[in-house]
Amino acid sequence: MDGDLRQQMPIQYLKFEATRRICLSEPHGMEMAEITVSALYKFVHLPDYEEMQPRIYEACKSHGVQGTLLLAAEGINGTIAGSGDDIETVLGYLKSDPRLCDLEHKESYCDENPFYRLKVRLKKEIVTMGVAGIDPVEQAGDYVDPAQWNELISDPDTVVIDTRNDYETAIGTFKGAIDPETVNFRDFPKWFRENKDRFHNKPKIAMYCTGGIRCEKATALVKAEGFEDVFHLKGGILKYLEEVPEEESLWEGECFVFDNRVSVGHGLTPGPYDLCHACRMPISAEDKASSLYVAGVSCPHCHDRSSSARKQRFAARQRQVELAKRRGDVHIGADYEAARERKRQARAEQIERSKQVR
């Protein structure tokens, strides 16, 4: 990030309601918070990724670093947290592998570790698309820096596609972008193949996502489908909101993020949205004023889709969360259960769509 721009940014206090942690991004020259959180990924051929797992696990564990890392033949992806020195040591260890020497990573800061344990998992893909033969290492499109993004997407010969999911695009997107309205990233290949004929009269395709990893993989799919001039936003929406001044921005709304900030706006300022802990949809103040909203149980998005048995289970969970808060404890099951519920709903919706197709 540009040093001058970073010094102009205010400290961002990012409240993690469920974990009772406070995270922030600090300008240079100010005292750092105790915990550094590093989000990282790289698409790179790692045929020995299974052998790498115990070594990476030990490198993290021996320095007290926690979080989750995913390893696959196509690369590495994840988020880890620890003291600044320990994170620097672990990143140095990862980068000592020549294949990871230019590993992409972004840092934020917390006063406590937001993770409870360390996981280094083996996966088929570091971001799941479910299409065999797609190789982002060899096929990915061209990076476009945030400073050049406006020019690209303002070109009438460019098709702009949002590769995120429907609950993310519902609260913000780039001006003029196409929203595939997918429930999860696995839906994107089918959507693109069904709609690609719409784009052959446009010589350029520009794609974006939250942090860069999904759109990078999506560009590999699009190129495999026969398109040549394919681009993706380097660092994703978050880097754009961080670096591009609001008065020059073509971003409209808020950017959904996968933590308890729920959304961020320009300058990465935490936004006005909360999260329904029943369905994981972002909810506004208007949503929370609805008679269909019950904290931890339902919201206008999920009230009619959730059975009474599930509502009762969520209500019992919410009582436990509130008891834990009053005691000053952390209830770690709330977000986990909510994430599981969203996955169940997504699977049910996919099955229903399949039936309709038949």
Protein backbone atom coordinates (compact mmCIF):
# COMPACT_ATOMS: atom_id res chain seq x y z
CA MET A 1 0.00 0.00 0.00
CA ASP A 2 1.13 3.56 -0.71
CA GLY A 3 2.71 4.96 2.46
CA ASP A 4 1.26 8.47 2.12
CA LEU A 5 -2.26 7.12 1.63
CA ARG A 6 -1.94 4.80 4.60
CA GLN A 7 -0.91 7.68 6.87
CA GLN A 8 -4.09 9.52 5.91
CA MET A 9 -6.29 6.61 7.01
CA PRO A 10 -7.90 6.67 10.45
CA ILE A 11 -7.50 3.74 12.81
CA GLN A 12 -10.20 1.19 12.02
CA TYR A 13 -11.81 -0.39 15.10
CA LEU A 14 -13.34 -3.62 13.91
CA LYS A 15 -15.62 -5.07 16.58
CA PHE A 16 -15.91 -8.85 16.69
CA GLU A 17 -19.22 -9.27 18.58
CA ALA A 18 -19.26 -13.04 18.83
CA THR A 19 -15.64 -13.40 19.93
CA ARG A 20 -15.46 -10.18 21.98
CA ARG A 21 -12.24 -9.19 20.26
CA ILE A 22 -11.34 -5.80 18.81
CA CYS A 23 -9.31 -5.64 15.60
CA LEU A 24 -7.86 -2.61 13.90
CA SER A 25 -5.64 -1.44 11.08
CA GLU A 26 -3.05 1.10 12.14
CA PRO A 27 -1.08 3.67 10.13
CA HIS A 28 2.70 3.60 10.11
CA GLY A 29 4.34 5.40 12.98
CA MET A 30 1.75 4.38 15.61
CA GLU A 31 2.06 1.71 18.28
CA MET A 32 1.09 -1.70 16.91
CA ALA A 33 -1.57 -3.88 18.52
CA GLU A 34 -0.44 -7.10 20.19
CA ILE A 35 -1.75 -9.56 17.59
CA THR A 36 -1.08 -9.50 13.84
CA VAL A 37 -3.62 -11.21 11.58
CA SER A 38 -2.30 -12.22 8.15
CA ALA A 39 -4.60 -13.30 5.30
CA LEU A 40 -2.62 -15.02 2.56
CA TYR A 41 -2.99 -17.00 -0.65
CA LYS A 42 -1.16 -18.03 -3.77
CA PHE A 43 -2.05 -20.25 -6.70
CA VAL A 44 1.07 -22.31 -7.37
CA HIS A 45 1.76 -25.93 -8.24
CA LEU A 46 2.46 -27.83 -4.99
CA PRO A 47 2.58 -31.54 -5.92
CA ASP A 48 4.13 -32.25 -2.49
CA TYR A 49 1.46 -30.38 -0.52
CA GLU A 50 0.72 -33.43 1.66
CA GLU A 51 4.36 -33.60 2.75
CA MET A 52 4.34 -29.85 3.42
CA GLN A 53 1.45 -30.07 5.88
CA PRO A 54 3.28 -31.33 9.03
CA ARG A 55 6.21 -28.97 8.47
CA ILE A 56 3.98 -25.92 8.11
CA TYR A 57 1.91 -27.02 11.10
CA GLU A 58 5.03 -27.33 13.24
CA ALA A 59 6.39 -23.95 12.05
CA CYS A 60 3.15 -22.28 13.15
CA LYS A 61 2.72 -24.25 16.39
CA SER A 62 6.28 -23.70 17.58
CA HIS A 63 5.70 -19.94 17.37
CA GLY A 64 2.25 -19.89 18.92
CA VAL A 65 0.54 -18.95 15.64
CA GLN A 66 -3.13 -19.94 15.29
CA GLY A 67 -5.66 -19.90 12.46
CA THR A 68 -6.46 -22.02 9.42
CA LEU A 69 -4.35 -22.78 6.34
CA LEU A 70 -5.56 -24.79 3.35
CA LEU A 71 -3.10 -26.71 1.19
CA ALA A 72 -3.84 -28.25 -2.19
CA ALA A 73 -2.01 -29.16 -5.35
CA GLU A 74 -3.08 -25.75 -6.69
CA GLY A 75 -1.61 -23.66 -3.83
CA ILE A 76 -2.14 -22.26 -0.34
CA ASN A 77 -4.87 -20.12 1.22
CA GLY A 78 -5.79 -19.07 4.75
CA THR A 79 -5.55 -16.69 7.68
CA ILE A 80 -3.18 -16.93 10.66
CA ALA A 81 -2.67 -14.80 13.76
CA GLY A 82 0.02 -14.32 16.39
CA SER A 83 2.52 -11.76 17.61
CA GLY A 84 4.04 -9.55 14.92
CA ASP A 85 7.44 -11.24 15.25
CA ASP A 86 5.95 -14.74 15.13
CA ILE A 87 3.83 -13.99 12.06
CA GLU A 88 6.89 -12.50 10.36
CA THR A 89 8.84 -15.68 11.20
CA VAL A 90 6.12 -17.98 9.83
CA LEU A 91 5.72 -15.91 6.66
CA GLY A 92 9.50 -16.01 6.29
CA TYR A 93 9.41 -19.79 6.60
CA LEU A 94 6.68 -20.07 3.95
CA LYS A 95 8.55 -17.71 1.62
CA SER A 96 11.75 -19.69 2.04
CA ASP A 97 10.13 -22.14 -0.39
CA PRO A 98 11.01 -20.60 -3.78
CA ARG A 99 7.50 -21.38 -5.01
CA LEU A 100 6.03 -19.12 -2.30
CA CYS A 101 8.65 -16.36 -2.34
CA ASP A 102 6.09 -13.82 -3.63
CA LEU A 103 3.23 -15.03 -1.43
CA GLU A 104 0.36 -12.51 -1.38
CA HIS A 105 -0.63 -11.48 2.18
CA LYS A 106 -2.51 -8.64 3.92
CA GLU A 107 -2.22 -7.71 7.59
CA SER A 108 -4.65 -6.33 10.16
CA TYR A 109 -4.25 -6.09 13.93
CA CYS A 110 -6.07 -7.30 17.05
CA ASP A 111 -5.67 -6.92 20.79
CA GLU A 112 -6.37 -10.67 21.24
CA ASN A 113 -5.98 -13.68 18.98
CA PRO A 114 -9.26 -14.16 17.07
CA PHE A 115 -8.56 -17.88 16.58
CA TYR A 116 -8.86 -20.64 19.17
CA ARG A 117 -6.72 -23.26 17.48
CA LEU A 118 -4.41 -24.04 14.56
CA LYS A 119 -5.53 -26.06 11.53
CA VAL A 120 -3.49 -26.92 8.43
CA ARG A 121 -5.89 -28.81 6.19
CA LEU A 122 -5.42 -30.77 2.98
CA LYS A 123 -7.96 -29.95 0.27
CA LYS A 124 -8.68 -30.71 -3.37
CA GLU A 125 -8.90 -26.96 -4.02
CA ILE A 126 -7.91 -23.90 -1.97
CA VAL A 127 -11.13 -22.23 -3.14
CA THR A 128 -13.79 -24.69 -4.25
CA MET A 129 -15.08 -24.36 -7.80
CA GLY A 130 -15.59 -28.06 -8.52
CA VAL A 131 -14.41 -28.03 -12.15
CA ALA A 132 -11.66 -30.47 -13.10
CA GLY A 133 -8.76 -29.25 -15.20
CA ILE A 134 -8.92 -25.54 -14.27
CA ASP A 135 -5.40 -24.30 -13.55
CA PRO A 136 -5.14 -20.72 -12.20
CA VAL A 137 -1.35 -20.99 -12.23
CA GLU A 138 -1.24 -21.34 -16.02
CA GLN A 139 -4.57 -19.92 -17.17
CA ALA A 140 -5.47 -16.98 -14.90
CA GLY A 141 -6.24 -13.60 -16.41
CA ASP A 142 -4.21 -10.42 -16.01
CA TYR A 143 -4.04 -8.49 -12.74
CA VAL A 144 -5.35 -4.92 -12.76
CA ASP A 145 -4.25 -2.63 -9.92
CA PRO A 146 -6.96 -0.60 -8.14
CA ALA A 147 -5.58 2.63 -9.66
CA GLN A 148 -6.30 1.33 -13.18
CA TRP A 149 -9.58 -0.47 -12.40
CA ASN A 150 -11.91 2.48 -13.04
CA GLU A 151 -10.54 2.99 -16.54
CA LEU A 152 -11.00 -0.69 -17.40
CA ILE A 153 -14.58 -1.07 -16.15
CA SER A 154 -15.65 2.27 -17.68
CA ASP A 155 -14.61 1.05 -21.13
CA PRO A 156 -17.81 0.24 -23.10
CA ASP A 157 -15.98 -2.76 -24.58
CA THR A 158 -15.60 -4.35 -21.12
CA VAL A 159 -18.02 -6.77 -19.46
CA VAL A 160 -17.77 -6.51 -15.66
CA ILE A 161 -18.75 -9.60 -13.64
CA ASP A 162 -19.08 -9.94 -9.87
CA THR A 163 -17.93 -13.44 -8.83
CA ARG A 164 -19.30 -13.25 -5.28
CA ASN A 165 -22.45 -14.82 -3.84
CA ASP A 166 -25.94 -13.33 -3.70
CA TYR A 167 -25.81 -12.37 -0.02
CA GLU A 168 -22.62 -10.40 -0.73
CA THR A 169 -23.78 -8.60 -3.86
CA ALA A 170 -27.05 -7.68 -2.11
CA ILE A 171 -25.34 -4.87 -0.18
CA GLY A 172 -22.81 -3.52 -2.70
CA THR A 173 -21.25 -3.83 -6.14
CA PHE A 174 -19.37 -1.92 -8.82
CA LYS A 175 -21.42 0.34 -11.02
CA GLY A 176 -22.67 -1.53 -14.10
CA ALA A 177 -21.45 -4.97 -12.98
CA ILE A 178 -23.35 -8.15 -13.82
CA ASP A 179 -24.54 -10.10 -10.76
CA PRO A 180 -24.74 -13.87 -11.44
CA GLU A 181 -26.92 -14.27 -8.30
CA THR A 182 -25.08 -17.43 -7.26
CA VAL A 183 -25.62 -19.07 -3.88
CA ASN A 184 -22.00 -20.24 -3.69
CA PHE A 185 -18.88 -20.23 -5.85
CA ARG A 186 -19.61 -23.73 -7.16
CA ASP A 187 -22.59 -22.23 -9.03
CA PHE A 188 -20.42 -19.83 -11.04
CA PRO A 189 -19.16 -22.24 -13.77
CA LYS A 190 -22.70 -23.32 -14.67
CA TRP A 191 -23.91 -19.71 -14.72
CA PHE A 192 -21.04 -18.61 -16.96
CA ARG A 193 -21.47 -21.45 -19.43
CA GLU A 194 -25.18 -20.72 -19.71
CA ASN A 195 -24.56 -16.99 -20.28
CA LYS A 196 -21.24 -16.77 -22.11
CA ASP A 197 -22.83 -16.19 -25.50
CA ARG A 198 -23.97 -12.79 -24.18
CA PHE A 199 -20.34 -11.69 -23.88
CA HIS A 200 -18.78 -12.60 -27.22
CA ASN A 201 -19.52 -9.14 -28.63
CA LYS A 202 -17.35 -7.61 -25.90
CA PRO A 203 -13.58 -8.05 -26.31
CA LYS A 204 -12.74 -7.69 -22.58
CA ILE A 205 -14.03 -9.34 -19.40
CA ALA A 206 -13.18 -7.87 -15.98
CA MET A 207 -13.94 -9.83 -12.80
CA TYR A 208 -13.69 -9.08 -9.11
CA CYS A 209 -14.37 -10.51 -5.63
CA THR A 210 -13.71 -9.60 -2.00
CA GLY A 211 -9.99 -10.29 -1.67
CA GLY A 212 -8.91 -11.54 -5.09
CA ILE A 213 -8.81 -15.33 -4.81
CA ARG A 214 -12.22 -16.26 -6.25
CA CYS A 215 -12.01 -13.90 -9.21
CA GLU A 216 -8.48 -15.11 -9.99
CA LYS A 217 -9.73 -18.68 -10.25
CA ALA A 218 -12.82 -17.54 -12.16
CA THR A 219 -10.62 -15.92 -14.82
CA ALA A 220 -8.94 -19.29 -15.41
CA LEU A 221 -12.35 -20.82 -16.09
CA VAL A 222 -13.34 -18.00 -18.43
CA LYS A 223 -10.09 -18.31 -20.40
CA ALA A 224 -10.61 -22.07 -20.62
CA GLU A 225 -14.01 -21.29 -22.18
CA GLY A 226 -12.28 -19.47 -25.04
CA PHE A 227 -12.06 -15.82 -23.94
CA GLU A 228 -8.68 -14.16 -24.26
CA ASP A 229 -8.76 -10.65 -22.78
CA VAL A 230 -9.69 -11.49 -19.20
CA PHE A 231 -8.77 -9.36 -16.18
CA HIS A 232 -9.21 -9.43 -12.39
CA LEU A 233 -8.89 -6.81 -9.67
CA LYS A 234 -5.65 -7.29 -7.76
CA GLY A 235 -6.31 -7.47 -4.04
CA GLY A 236 -10.04 -7.49 -4.67
CA ILE A 237 -12.65 -5.00 -3.51
CA LEU A 238 -10.90 -4.56 -0.16
CA LYS A 239 -7.71 -3.28 -1.78
CA TYR A 240 -9.77 -0.98 -4.02
CA LEU A 241 -11.68 0.50 -1.07
CA GLU A 242 -8.42 0.90 0.80
CA GLU A 243 -6.53 2.69 -1.96
CA VAL A 244 -9.02 4.54 -4.20
CA PRO A 245 -10.37 7.83 -2.78
CA GLU A 246 -14.13 7.82 -2.24
CA GLU A 247 -14.64 10.80 -4.53
CA GLU A 248 -13.06 8.81 -7.41
CA SER A 249 -14.66 5.48 -6.57
CA LEU A 250 -17.09 3.54 -8.77
CA TRP A 251 -18.04 1.26 -5.88
CA GLU A 252 -21.67 1.51 -4.75
CA GLY A 253 -22.79 0.36 -1.30
CA GLU A 254 -20.88 -1.76 1.20
CA CYS A 255 -18.53 -4.72 0.86
CA PHE A 256 -19.54 -7.85 2.76
CA VAL A 257 -16.66 -9.33 4.77
CA PHE A 258 -16.37 -12.74 6.42
CA ASP A 259 -15.96 -11.59 10.00
CA ASN A 260 -18.10 -9.75 12.50
CA ARG A 261 -17.56 -6.38 10.92
CA VAL A 262 -20.11 -7.76 8.41
CA SER A 263 -19.40 -4.96 5.94
CA VAL A 264 -16.88 -2.22 5.20
CA GLY A 265 -17.00 0.91 3.10
CA HIS A 266 -14.43 3.28 1.66
CA GLY A 267 -11.24 3.42 3.69
CA LEU A 268 -12.29 0.03 5.11
CA THR A 269 -14.49 1.80 7.65
CA PRO A 270 -16.85 -0.72 9.31
CA GLY A 271 -20.32 -0.40 7.79
CA PRO A 272 -23.87 -0.23 9.20
CA TYR A 273 -24.82 -3.87 8.66
CA ASP A 274 -25.20 -6.53 11.31
CA LEU A 275 -25.37 -10.29 10.75
CA CYS A 276 -28.32 -12.60 11.24
CA HIS A 277 -26.81 -15.43 13.25
CA ALA A 278 -29.53 -17.76 12.02
CA CYS A 279 -28.86 -17.49 8.27
CA ARG A 280 -25.65 -15.39 8.05
CA MET A 281 -27.30 -12.79 5.83
CA PRO A 282 -26.29 -9.14 6.30
CA ILE A 283 -29.14 -7.21 7.94
CA SER A 284 -29.81 -3.48 8.10
CA ALA A 285 -31.38 -1.40 10.86
CA GLU A 286 -34.63 -1.63 8.89
CA ASP A 287 -34.39 -5.44 8.89
CA LYS A 288 -33.88 -5.46 12.67
CA ALA A 289 -36.94 -3.24 13.12
CA SER A 290 -39.09 -5.85 11.34
CA SER A 291 -41.50 -8.01 13.33
CA LEU A 292 -39.83 -11.00 11.64
CA TYR A 293 -36.50 -10.27 13.31
CA VAL A 294 -35.60 -12.11 16.51
CA ALA A 295 -31.95 -11.83 17.53
CA GLY A 296 -30.13 -15.09 16.83
CA VAL A 297 -33.34 -16.79 15.66
CA SER A 298 -34.66 -15.24 12.44
CA CYS A 299 -34.72 -12.20 10.17
CA PRO A 300 -36.82 -11.08 7.16
CA HIS A 301 -34.50 -13.10 4.88
CA CYS A 302 -34.88 -16.46 6.65
CA HIS A 303 -38.04 -16.31 8.77
CA ASP A 304 -40.18 -18.17 6.23
CA ARG A 305 -37.44 -20.67 5.31
CA SER A 306 -36.70 -21.89 8.83
CA SER A 307 -38.77 -24.56 10.54
CA SER A 308 -40.20 -24.13 14.04
CA ALA A 309 -37.80 -26.82 15.27
CA ARG A 310 -34.84 -24.83 13.99
CA LYS A 311 -36.19 -21.62 15.48
CA GLN A 312 -36.48 -23.35 18.84
CA ARG A 313 -32.91 -24.64 18.54
CA PHE A 314 -31.63 -21.18 17.59
CA ALA A 315 -33.56 -19.61 20.48
CA ALA A 316 -31.93 -22.03 22.94
CA ARG A 317 -28.52 -21.23 21.44
CA GLN A 318 -29.19 -17.49 21.69
CA ARG A 319 -30.03 -17.84 25.39
CA GLN A 320 -26.66 -19.52 25.91
CA VAL A 321 -24.91 -16.71 24.00
CA GLU A 322 -26.58 -14.07 26.17
CA LEU A 323 -25.73 -15.95 29.36
CA ALA A 324 -22.11 -16.19 28.23
CA LYS A 325 -22.02 -12.46 27.52
CA ARG A 326 -23.37 -11.63 30.97
CA ARG A 327 -20.67 -13.81 32.53
CA GLY A 328 -18.03 -12.20 30.33
CA ASP A 329 -17.32 -15.51 28.58
CA VAL A 330 -17.10 -16.34 24.89
CA HIS A 331 -19.71 -18.61 23.29
CA ILE A 332 -17.84 -20.05 20.31
CA GLY A 333 -20.71 -22.15 18.96
CA ALA A 334 -22.99 -19.38 17.72
CA ASP A 335 -21.23 -18.48 14.49
CA TYR A 336 -20.31 -22.12 13.86
CA GLU A 337 -23.93 -23.22 14.06
CA ALA A 338 -25.04 -20.27 11.92
CA ALA A 339 -22.48 -21.15 9.25
CA ARG A 340 -23.68 -24.76 9.25
CA GLU A 341 -27.27 -23.58 8.88
CA ARG A 342 -26.40 -21.42 5.89
CA LYS A 343 -24.67 -24.39 4.24
CA ARG A 344 -27.72 -26.57 4.86
CA GLN A 345 -29.96 -23.95 3.28
CA ALA A 346 -27.63 -23.55 0.30
CA ARG A 347 -27.64 -27.30 -0.31
CA ALA A 348 -31.44 -27.42 -0.07
CA GLU A 349 -31.74 -24.56 -2.58
CA GLN A 350 -29.35 -26.30 -4.99
CA ILE A 351 -31.39 -29.52 -4.79
CA GLU A 352 -34.60 -27.59 -5.45
CA ARG A 353 -33.07 -25.86 -8.49
CA SER A 354 -31.89 -29.23 -9.83
CA LYS A 355 -35.42 -30.59 -9.57
CA GLN A 356 -36.77 -27.60 -11.49
CA VAL A 357 -34.22 -28.14 -14.28
CA ARG A 358 -35.30 -31.77 -14.62
